[in-house]
Structure formats: C-alpha cells, structure tokens
C-alpha cells in the first residue's frame, strides 16, 4: 500500500500508476499519482521500503 503525503489516502500501486494525459513524458517517468487528490510524487525507494517494513515488525516476546 502507498500512502499519499498530501491527503493521507492509502492506495495500491496499480491505482496510483495512472499518468495524467497532459504530461509530456506520459507513462515513462514513474511518478505516482494519488487517485483521491491528484498529488504526484516519486515512488518510495526499495531501501526505504525495506527499512520501514523492518521497523514496523512487532517485537518478539522474550523467551521464558
């Protein structure tokens, strides 16, 4: 899931892949467009995604 930094709407990569028709590099820039507010932003890097996923993991309970 991708979260829009402008409005907070969560959406899938497929929903955010639509490029605006007036864009001179339509379909080739890789920008993500929020389907709710239209805000365009670059996709999150794989390194940032990996670190975010590691930090969001629930802590394991200590062994007894």
N, C-alpha and C. Protein backbone atom coordinates (compact mmCIF):
# COMPACT_ATOMS: atom_id res chain seq x y z
N UNK A 1 0.85 -1.19 0.00
CA UNK A 1 0.00 0.00 0.00
C UNK A 1 0.88 1.24 0.00
N UNK A 2 0.42 2.24 -0.71
CA UNK A 2 1.09 3.53 -0.78
C UNK A 2 0.20 4.54 -0.07
N UNK A 3 0.81 5.43 0.69
CA UNK A 3 0.04 6.47 1.37
C UNK A 3 0.43 7.83 0.81
N UNK A 4 -0.56 8.61 0.44
CA UNK A 4 -0.33 9.94 -0.11
C UNK A 4 0.16 10.87 1.00
N UNK A 5 1.24 11.58 0.72
CA UNK A 5 1.79 12.51 1.69
C UNK A 5 0.96 13.78 1.83
N UNK A 6 0.09 14.04 0.85
CA UNK A 6 -0.72 15.26 0.88
C UNK A 6 -2.03 15.04 1.64
N UNK A 7 -2.78 13.99 1.26
CA UNK A 7 -4.11 13.82 1.86
C UNK A 7 -4.21 12.61 2.80
N UNK A 8 -3.20 11.70 2.78
CA UNK A 8 -3.21 10.55 3.65
C UNK A 8 -3.97 9.35 3.11
N UNK A 9 -4.50 9.44 1.90
CA UNK A 9 -5.25 8.35 1.29
C UNK A 9 -4.32 7.17 0.99
N UNK A 10 -4.73 5.95 1.33
CA UNK A 10 -3.95 4.75 1.04
C UNK A 10 -4.49 4.10 -0.22
N UNK A 11 -3.58 3.69 -1.11
CA UNK A 11 -4.00 3.07 -2.36
C UNK A 11 -2.93 2.10 -2.84
N UNK A 12 -3.29 1.25 -3.80
CA UNK A 12 -2.35 0.27 -4.33
C UNK A 12 -1.50 0.89 -5.43
N UNK A 13 -0.42 0.20 -5.77
CA UNK A 13 0.48 0.68 -6.82
C UNK A 13 -0.26 0.80 -8.16
N UNK A 14 -1.16 -0.13 -8.45
CA UNK A 14 -1.91 -0.08 -9.71
C UNK A 14 -2.84 1.13 -9.77
N UNK A 15 -3.44 1.49 -8.65
CA UNK A 15 -4.33 2.65 -8.62
C UNK A 15 -3.55 3.96 -8.82
N UNK A 16 -2.31 4.01 -8.39
CA UNK A 16 -1.51 5.22 -8.49
C UNK A 16 -0.66 5.30 -9.74
N UNK A 17 -0.76 4.30 -10.62
CA UNK A 17 0.08 4.26 -11.81
C UNK A 17 -0.45 5.12 -12.95
N UNK A 18 -1.67 5.58 -12.86
CA UNK A 18 -2.26 6.36 -13.95
C UNK A 18 -1.56 7.71 -14.09
N UNK A 19 -1.05 7.97 -15.27
CA UNK A 19 -0.36 9.23 -15.53
C UNK A 19 -1.36 10.20 -16.16
N UNK A 20 -1.18 11.45 -15.89
CA UNK A 20 -2.06 12.45 -16.48
C UNK A 20 -1.83 12.55 -17.98
N UNK A 21 -2.88 12.74 -18.74
CA UNK A 21 -2.77 12.77 -20.19
C UNK A 21 -1.99 13.97 -20.71
N UNK A 22 -1.92 15.06 -19.97
CA UNK A 22 -1.22 16.26 -20.42
C UNK A 22 0.27 16.24 -20.14
N UNK A 23 0.76 15.20 -19.53
CA UNK A 23 2.18 15.11 -19.17
C UNK A 23 3.02 14.86 -20.43
N UNK A 24 4.10 15.61 -20.62
CA UNK A 24 4.93 15.42 -21.82
C UNK A 24 5.67 14.08 -21.86
N UNK A 25 5.90 13.46 -20.73
CA UNK A 25 6.54 12.14 -20.69
C UNK A 25 5.55 11.09 -20.20
N UNK A 26 4.32 11.20 -20.62
CA UNK A 26 3.23 10.33 -20.16
C UNK A 26 3.64 8.86 -20.19
N UNK A 27 3.54 8.23 -19.05
CA UNK A 27 3.80 6.80 -18.94
C UNK A 27 5.26 6.43 -18.78
N UNK A 28 6.19 7.37 -18.79
CA UNK A 28 7.58 7.00 -18.73
C UNK A 28 8.35 7.53 -17.54
N UNK A 29 7.74 8.35 -16.71
CA UNK A 29 8.50 8.98 -15.63
C UNK A 29 8.48 8.19 -14.33
N UNK A 30 7.50 7.34 -14.11
CA UNK A 30 7.43 6.54 -12.90
C UNK A 30 6.81 7.24 -11.71
N UNK A 31 6.31 8.45 -11.89
CA UNK A 31 5.67 9.17 -10.79
C UNK A 31 4.39 8.45 -10.38
N UNK A 32 4.03 8.58 -9.12
CA UNK A 32 2.81 8.00 -8.57
C UNK A 32 1.81 9.14 -8.40
N UNK A 33 0.57 8.91 -8.81
CA UNK A 33 -0.49 9.92 -8.68
C UNK A 33 -1.55 9.42 -7.73
N UNK A 34 -1.87 10.19 -6.69
CA UNK A 34 -2.91 9.82 -5.74
C UNK A 34 -4.27 9.89 -6.45
N UNK A 35 -5.05 8.80 -6.40
CA UNK A 35 -6.35 8.82 -7.06
C UNK A 35 -7.37 9.70 -6.34
N UNK A 36 -7.11 10.05 -5.09
CA UNK A 36 -8.07 10.85 -4.33
C UNK A 36 -7.88 12.35 -4.57
N UNK A 37 -6.62 12.83 -4.53
CA UNK A 37 -6.40 14.27 -4.62
C UNK A 37 -5.60 14.70 -5.84
N UNK A 38 -4.99 13.74 -6.57
CA UNK A 38 -4.23 14.06 -7.77
C UNK A 38 -2.79 14.48 -7.51
N UNK A 39 -2.33 14.44 -6.27
CA UNK A 39 -0.95 14.81 -5.93
C UNK A 39 0.01 13.80 -6.55
N UNK A 40 1.06 14.28 -7.21
CA UNK A 40 2.05 13.41 -7.83
C UNK A 40 3.34 13.44 -7.03
N UNK A 41 3.94 12.27 -6.82
CA UNK A 41 5.18 12.16 -6.07
C UNK A 41 5.97 10.96 -6.57
N UNK A 42 7.29 10.97 -6.35
CA UNK A 42 8.10 9.83 -6.79
C UNK A 42 7.81 8.60 -5.93
N UNK A 43 7.97 7.41 -6.51
CA UNK A 43 7.74 6.19 -5.72
C UNK A 43 8.80 6.04 -4.63
N UNK A 44 8.44 5.34 -3.58
CA UNK A 44 9.36 5.10 -2.47
C UNK A 44 10.44 4.13 -2.94
N UNK A 45 11.68 4.39 -2.57
CA UNK A 45 12.78 3.52 -2.98
C UNK A 45 12.67 2.17 -2.27
N UNK A 46 13.28 1.14 -2.85
CA UNK A 46 13.23 -0.20 -2.26
C UNK A 46 13.94 -0.24 -0.92
N UNK A 47 14.99 0.55 -0.77
CA UNK A 47 15.72 0.59 0.50
C UNK A 47 14.85 1.17 1.61
N UNK A 48 14.13 2.25 1.31
CA UNK A 48 13.24 2.86 2.30
C UNK A 48 12.12 1.89 2.66
N UNK A 49 11.57 1.19 1.68
CA UNK A 49 10.52 0.22 1.93
C UNK A 49 11.02 -0.90 2.84
N UNK A 50 12.23 -1.40 2.59
CA UNK A 50 12.80 -2.46 3.42
C UNK A 50 12.97 -2.00 4.86
N UNK A 51 13.54 -0.83 5.05
CA UNK A 51 13.77 -0.31 6.41
C UNK A 51 12.45 -0.07 7.12
N UNK A 52 11.47 0.50 6.42
CA UNK A 52 10.15 0.75 7.01
C UNK A 52 9.50 -0.55 7.46
N UNK A 53 9.57 -1.58 6.61
CA UNK A 53 8.98 -2.87 6.96
C UNK A 53 9.67 -3.50 8.16
N UNK A 54 10.98 -3.35 8.25
CA UNK A 54 11.70 -3.91 9.39
C UNK A 54 11.33 -3.19 10.69
N UNK A 55 11.15 -1.88 10.62
CA UNK A 55 10.81 -1.11 11.81
C UNK A 55 9.36 -1.32 12.26
N UNK A 56 8.50 -1.68 11.34
CA UNK A 56 7.07 -1.87 11.67
C UNK A 56 6.78 -3.26 12.22
N UNK A 57 7.75 -4.16 12.13
CA UNK A 57 7.54 -5.52 12.65
C UNK A 57 7.25 -5.47 14.14
N UNK A 58 6.30 -6.26 14.60
CA UNK A 58 6.05 -6.31 16.04
C UNK A 58 7.23 -6.96 16.76
N UNK A 59 7.54 -6.48 17.92
CA UNK A 59 8.65 -7.01 18.70
C UNK A 59 8.32 -8.43 19.18
N UNK A 60 9.31 -9.28 19.09
CA UNK A 60 9.09 -10.67 19.57
C UNK A 60 9.14 -10.68 21.09
N UNK A 61 8.34 -11.57 21.66
CA UNK A 61 8.34 -11.72 23.11
C UNK A 61 9.59 -12.46 23.54
N UNK A 62 10.19 -12.05 24.65
CA UNK A 62 11.40 -12.75 25.14
C UNK A 62 11.06 -14.17 25.57
N UNK A 63 12.03 -15.08 25.38
CA UNK A 63 11.83 -16.48 25.77
C UNK A 63 11.82 -16.58 27.30
N UNK A 64 11.02 -17.47 27.79
CA UNK A 64 10.90 -17.66 29.25
C UNK A 64 11.67 -18.84 29.71
